N, C-alpha and C. Protein backbone atom coordinates (compact mmCIF):
# COMPACT_ATOMS: atom_id res chain seq x y z
N UNK A 1 95.15 91.19 87.02
CA UNK A 1 96.46 91.74 87.27
C UNK A 1 97.49 90.71 86.83
N UNK A 2 98.44 91.14 86.03
CA UNK A 2 99.47 90.22 85.54
C UNK A 2 100.43 89.83 86.66
N UNK A 3 101.17 88.78 86.45
CA UNK A 3 102.16 88.33 87.43
C UNK A 3 103.22 89.41 87.65
N UNK A 4 103.61 90.09 86.58
CA UNK A 4 104.60 91.17 86.70
C UNK A 4 104.02 92.29 87.56
N UNK A 5 102.76 92.65 87.32
CA UNK A 5 102.12 93.70 88.13
C UNK A 5 102.05 93.29 89.60
N UNK A 6 101.76 92.02 89.85
CA UNK A 6 101.72 91.52 91.23
C UNK A 6 103.11 91.62 91.87
N UNK A 7 104.13 91.20 91.14
CA UNK A 7 105.49 91.26 91.64
C UNK A 7 105.88 92.69 91.98
N UNK A 8 105.57 93.62 91.10
CA UNK A 8 105.92 95.02 91.34
C UNK A 8 105.13 95.61 92.51
N UNK A 9 103.86 95.28 92.62
CA UNK A 9 103.06 95.78 93.74
C UNK A 9 103.61 95.24 95.06
N UNK A 10 103.87 93.95 95.12
CA UNK A 10 104.42 93.35 96.33
C UNK A 10 105.78 93.96 96.66
N UNK A 11 106.59 94.18 95.65
CA UNK A 11 107.92 94.77 95.86
C UNK A 11 107.82 96.17 96.46
N UNK A 12 106.90 96.97 95.96
CA UNK A 12 106.73 98.34 96.48
C UNK A 12 106.29 98.32 97.95
N UNK A 13 105.37 97.42 98.27
CA UNK A 13 104.91 97.31 99.66
C UNK A 13 106.05 96.85 100.56
N UNK A 14 106.79 95.85 100.11
CA UNK A 14 107.93 95.34 100.88
C UNK A 14 108.97 96.44 101.11
N UNK A 15 109.30 97.17 100.08
CA UNK A 15 110.29 98.25 100.18
C UNK A 15 109.83 99.31 101.19
N UNK A 16 108.57 99.67 101.15
CA UNK A 16 108.05 100.65 102.10
C UNK A 16 108.09 100.12 103.52
N UNK A 17 107.73 98.86 103.70
CA UNK A 17 107.70 98.27 105.04
C UNK A 17 109.09 98.09 105.62
N UNK A 18 110.03 97.69 104.79
CA UNK A 18 111.39 97.42 105.24
C UNK A 18 112.32 98.63 105.13
N UNK A 19 111.80 99.68 104.53
CA UNK A 19 112.58 100.91 104.34
C UNK A 19 113.92 100.60 103.67
N UNK A 20 113.84 99.90 102.56
CA UNK A 20 115.05 99.58 101.81
C UNK A 20 114.91 100.13 100.39
N UNK A 21 115.97 100.08 99.65
CA UNK A 21 115.99 100.56 98.27
C UNK A 21 115.53 99.45 97.32
N UNK A 22 115.06 99.86 96.17
CA UNK A 22 114.66 98.92 95.12
C UNK A 22 115.84 98.02 94.76
N UNK A 23 117.01 98.59 94.64
CA UNK A 23 118.19 97.81 94.26
C UNK A 23 118.55 96.78 95.35
N UNK A 24 118.31 97.12 96.60
CA UNK A 24 118.59 96.18 97.70
C UNK A 24 117.66 94.97 97.60
N UNK A 25 116.38 95.22 97.43
CA UNK A 25 115.43 94.12 97.28
C UNK A 25 115.75 93.31 96.04
N UNK A 26 116.07 93.96 94.96
CA UNK A 26 116.41 93.27 93.72
C UNK A 26 117.62 92.35 93.93
N UNK A 27 118.59 92.83 94.66
CA UNK A 27 119.78 92.00 94.95
C UNK A 27 119.39 90.80 95.80
N UNK A 28 118.53 90.99 96.77
CA UNK A 28 118.10 89.90 97.64
C UNK A 28 117.32 88.83 96.87
N UNK A 29 116.44 89.26 95.98
CA UNK A 29 115.58 88.32 95.26
C UNK A 29 116.26 87.68 94.06
N UNK A 30 117.00 88.48 93.31
CA UNK A 30 117.53 88.03 92.03
C UNK A 30 119.06 87.93 91.98
N UNK A 31 119.71 88.37 93.06
CA UNK A 31 121.17 88.48 93.04
C UNK A 31 121.60 89.40 91.90
N UNK A 32 120.77 90.42 91.65
CA UNK A 32 120.99 91.38 90.57
C UNK A 32 120.31 92.68 90.98
N UNK A 33 121.07 93.65 91.40
CA UNK A 33 120.52 94.90 91.90
C UNK A 33 119.77 95.73 90.88
N UNK A 34 119.86 95.38 89.60
CA UNK A 34 119.21 96.18 88.55
C UNK A 34 117.95 95.53 87.98
N UNK A 35 117.68 94.28 88.35
CA UNK A 35 116.59 93.53 87.70
C UNK A 35 115.22 94.15 87.95
N UNK A 36 114.88 94.48 89.21
CA UNK A 36 113.56 95.06 89.48
C UNK A 36 113.39 96.41 88.77
N UNK A 37 114.42 97.21 88.74
CA UNK A 37 114.35 98.48 88.02
C UNK A 37 114.07 98.27 86.55
N UNK A 38 114.72 97.28 85.96
CA UNK A 38 114.49 96.96 84.55
C UNK A 38 113.05 96.50 84.32
N UNK A 39 112.53 95.71 85.25
CA UNK A 39 111.14 95.25 85.14
C UNK A 39 110.19 96.44 85.25
N UNK A 40 110.46 97.35 86.17
CA UNK A 40 109.62 98.55 86.30
C UNK A 40 109.61 99.37 85.01
N UNK A 41 110.70 99.36 84.30
CA UNK A 41 110.80 100.13 83.04
C UNK A 41 110.27 99.36 81.84
N UNK A 42 109.63 98.21 82.09
CA UNK A 42 109.01 97.46 81.01
C UNK A 42 109.76 96.20 80.62
N UNK A 43 110.86 95.90 81.30
CA UNK A 43 111.60 94.68 81.01
C UNK A 43 110.77 93.45 81.34
N UNK A 44 111.19 92.34 80.80
CA UNK A 44 110.44 91.10 80.98
C UNK A 44 111.21 90.15 81.90
N UNK A 45 110.53 89.10 82.31
CA UNK A 45 111.11 88.11 83.20
C UNK A 45 110.44 86.78 82.89
N UNK A 46 111.17 85.69 83.03
CA UNK A 46 110.59 84.37 82.79
C UNK A 46 109.58 84.05 83.88
N UNK A 47 108.60 83.25 83.52
CA UNK A 47 107.52 82.91 84.44
C UNK A 47 108.05 82.27 85.72
N UNK A 48 108.90 81.27 85.60
CA UNK A 48 109.41 80.60 86.80
C UNK A 48 110.22 81.54 87.68
N UNK A 49 110.96 82.43 87.07
CA UNK A 49 111.74 83.39 87.86
C UNK A 49 110.81 84.34 88.59
N UNK A 50 109.73 84.74 87.96
CA UNK A 50 108.73 85.61 88.60
C UNK A 50 108.07 84.87 89.75
N UNK A 51 107.71 83.62 89.54
CA UNK A 51 107.10 82.82 90.61
C UNK A 51 108.04 82.66 91.79
N UNK A 52 109.33 82.42 91.53
CA UNK A 52 110.31 82.30 92.61
C UNK A 52 110.44 83.62 93.37
N UNK A 53 110.38 84.74 92.66
CA UNK A 53 110.49 86.05 93.31
C UNK A 53 109.28 86.30 94.21
N UNK A 54 108.09 85.97 93.75
CA UNK A 54 106.89 86.15 94.57
C UNK A 54 106.94 85.22 95.78
N UNK A 55 107.42 83.99 95.59
CA UNK A 55 107.59 83.08 96.72
C UNK A 55 108.61 83.63 97.70
N UNK A 56 109.70 84.22 97.20
CA UNK A 56 110.71 84.81 98.08
C UNK A 56 110.06 85.91 98.92
N UNK A 57 109.28 86.75 98.28
CA UNK A 57 108.59 87.81 99.02
C UNK A 57 107.68 87.22 100.08
N UNK A 58 106.93 86.18 99.74
CA UNK A 58 106.03 85.55 100.71
C UNK A 58 106.82 84.98 101.88
N UNK A 59 107.91 84.30 101.59
CA UNK A 59 108.72 83.67 102.63
C UNK A 59 109.42 84.69 103.52
N UNK A 60 109.65 85.90 103.01
CA UNK A 60 110.38 86.94 103.74
C UNK A 60 109.53 88.16 104.06
N UNK A 61 108.22 88.00 103.98
CA UNK A 61 107.29 89.11 104.16
C UNK A 61 107.37 89.66 105.59
N UNK A 62 107.38 91.00 105.74
CA UNK A 62 107.42 91.59 107.09
C UNK A 62 106.19 91.18 107.90
N UNK A 63 106.43 90.72 109.10
CA UNK A 63 105.36 90.19 109.96
C UNK A 63 104.29 91.22 110.27
N UNK A 64 104.64 92.48 110.32
CA UNK A 64 103.69 93.53 110.69
C UNK A 64 102.97 94.14 109.49
N UNK A 65 103.22 93.62 108.30
CA UNK A 65 102.62 94.17 107.08
C UNK A 65 101.66 93.16 106.48
N UNK A 66 100.38 93.54 106.31
CA UNK A 66 99.43 92.60 105.72
C UNK A 66 99.74 92.32 104.24
N UNK A 67 99.59 91.08 103.84
CA UNK A 67 99.72 90.69 102.44
C UNK A 67 98.49 91.22 101.71
N UNK A 68 98.64 91.82 100.52
CA UNK A 68 97.48 92.37 99.81
C UNK A 68 96.43 91.30 99.49
N UNK A 69 95.20 91.58 99.83
CA UNK A 69 94.11 90.62 99.66
C UNK A 69 93.88 90.23 98.19
N UNK A 70 94.17 91.13 97.28
CA UNK A 70 93.90 90.87 95.86
C UNK A 70 94.97 89.99 95.19
N UNK A 71 96.02 89.65 95.92
CA UNK A 71 97.08 88.81 95.37
C UNK A 71 97.14 87.51 96.17
N UNK A 72 97.01 86.39 95.46
CA UNK A 72 97.08 85.09 96.13
C UNK A 72 98.48 84.88 96.67
N UNK A 73 98.55 84.51 97.93
CA UNK A 73 99.86 84.30 98.57
C UNK A 73 100.29 82.84 98.40
N UNK A 74 101.51 82.63 97.93
CA UNK A 74 102.00 81.25 97.82
C UNK A 74 102.09 80.59 99.19
N UNK A 75 101.93 79.29 99.20
CA UNK A 75 102.09 78.54 100.44
C UNK A 75 103.55 78.60 100.86
N UNK A 76 103.78 78.36 102.14
CA UNK A 76 105.15 78.36 102.64
C UNK A 76 105.97 77.34 101.86
N UNK A 77 107.21 77.69 101.62
CA UNK A 77 108.10 76.81 100.85
C UNK A 77 108.22 75.46 101.56
N UNK A 78 108.10 74.42 100.78
CA UNK A 78 108.22 73.07 101.33
C UNK A 78 109.69 72.71 101.44
N UNK A 79 110.02 72.01 102.48
CA UNK A 79 111.40 71.57 102.70
C UNK A 79 111.66 70.38 101.78
N UNK A 80 112.71 70.48 100.98
CA UNK A 80 113.06 69.37 100.08
C UNK A 80 113.66 68.23 100.89
N UNK A 81 113.26 67.02 100.56
CA UNK A 81 113.76 65.85 101.29
C UNK A 81 114.85 65.16 100.51
């Protein structure tokens, strides 16, 4: 599964769990309400930006929703010193 596919799968689960819109999640992760929609339509994203988005999802994951077993979960964000 590609990183983009992982990001989209995690985003769909998050949206369902939080009962929010795709544009709302996109705004929270990217500060751009249209970015996730563009990615769903085949748009591309830089690797580091994708990694930051998956980390954002991990850091903000709903407590009552299991993380998908087939996707490796990033470790908790380390506090910068």
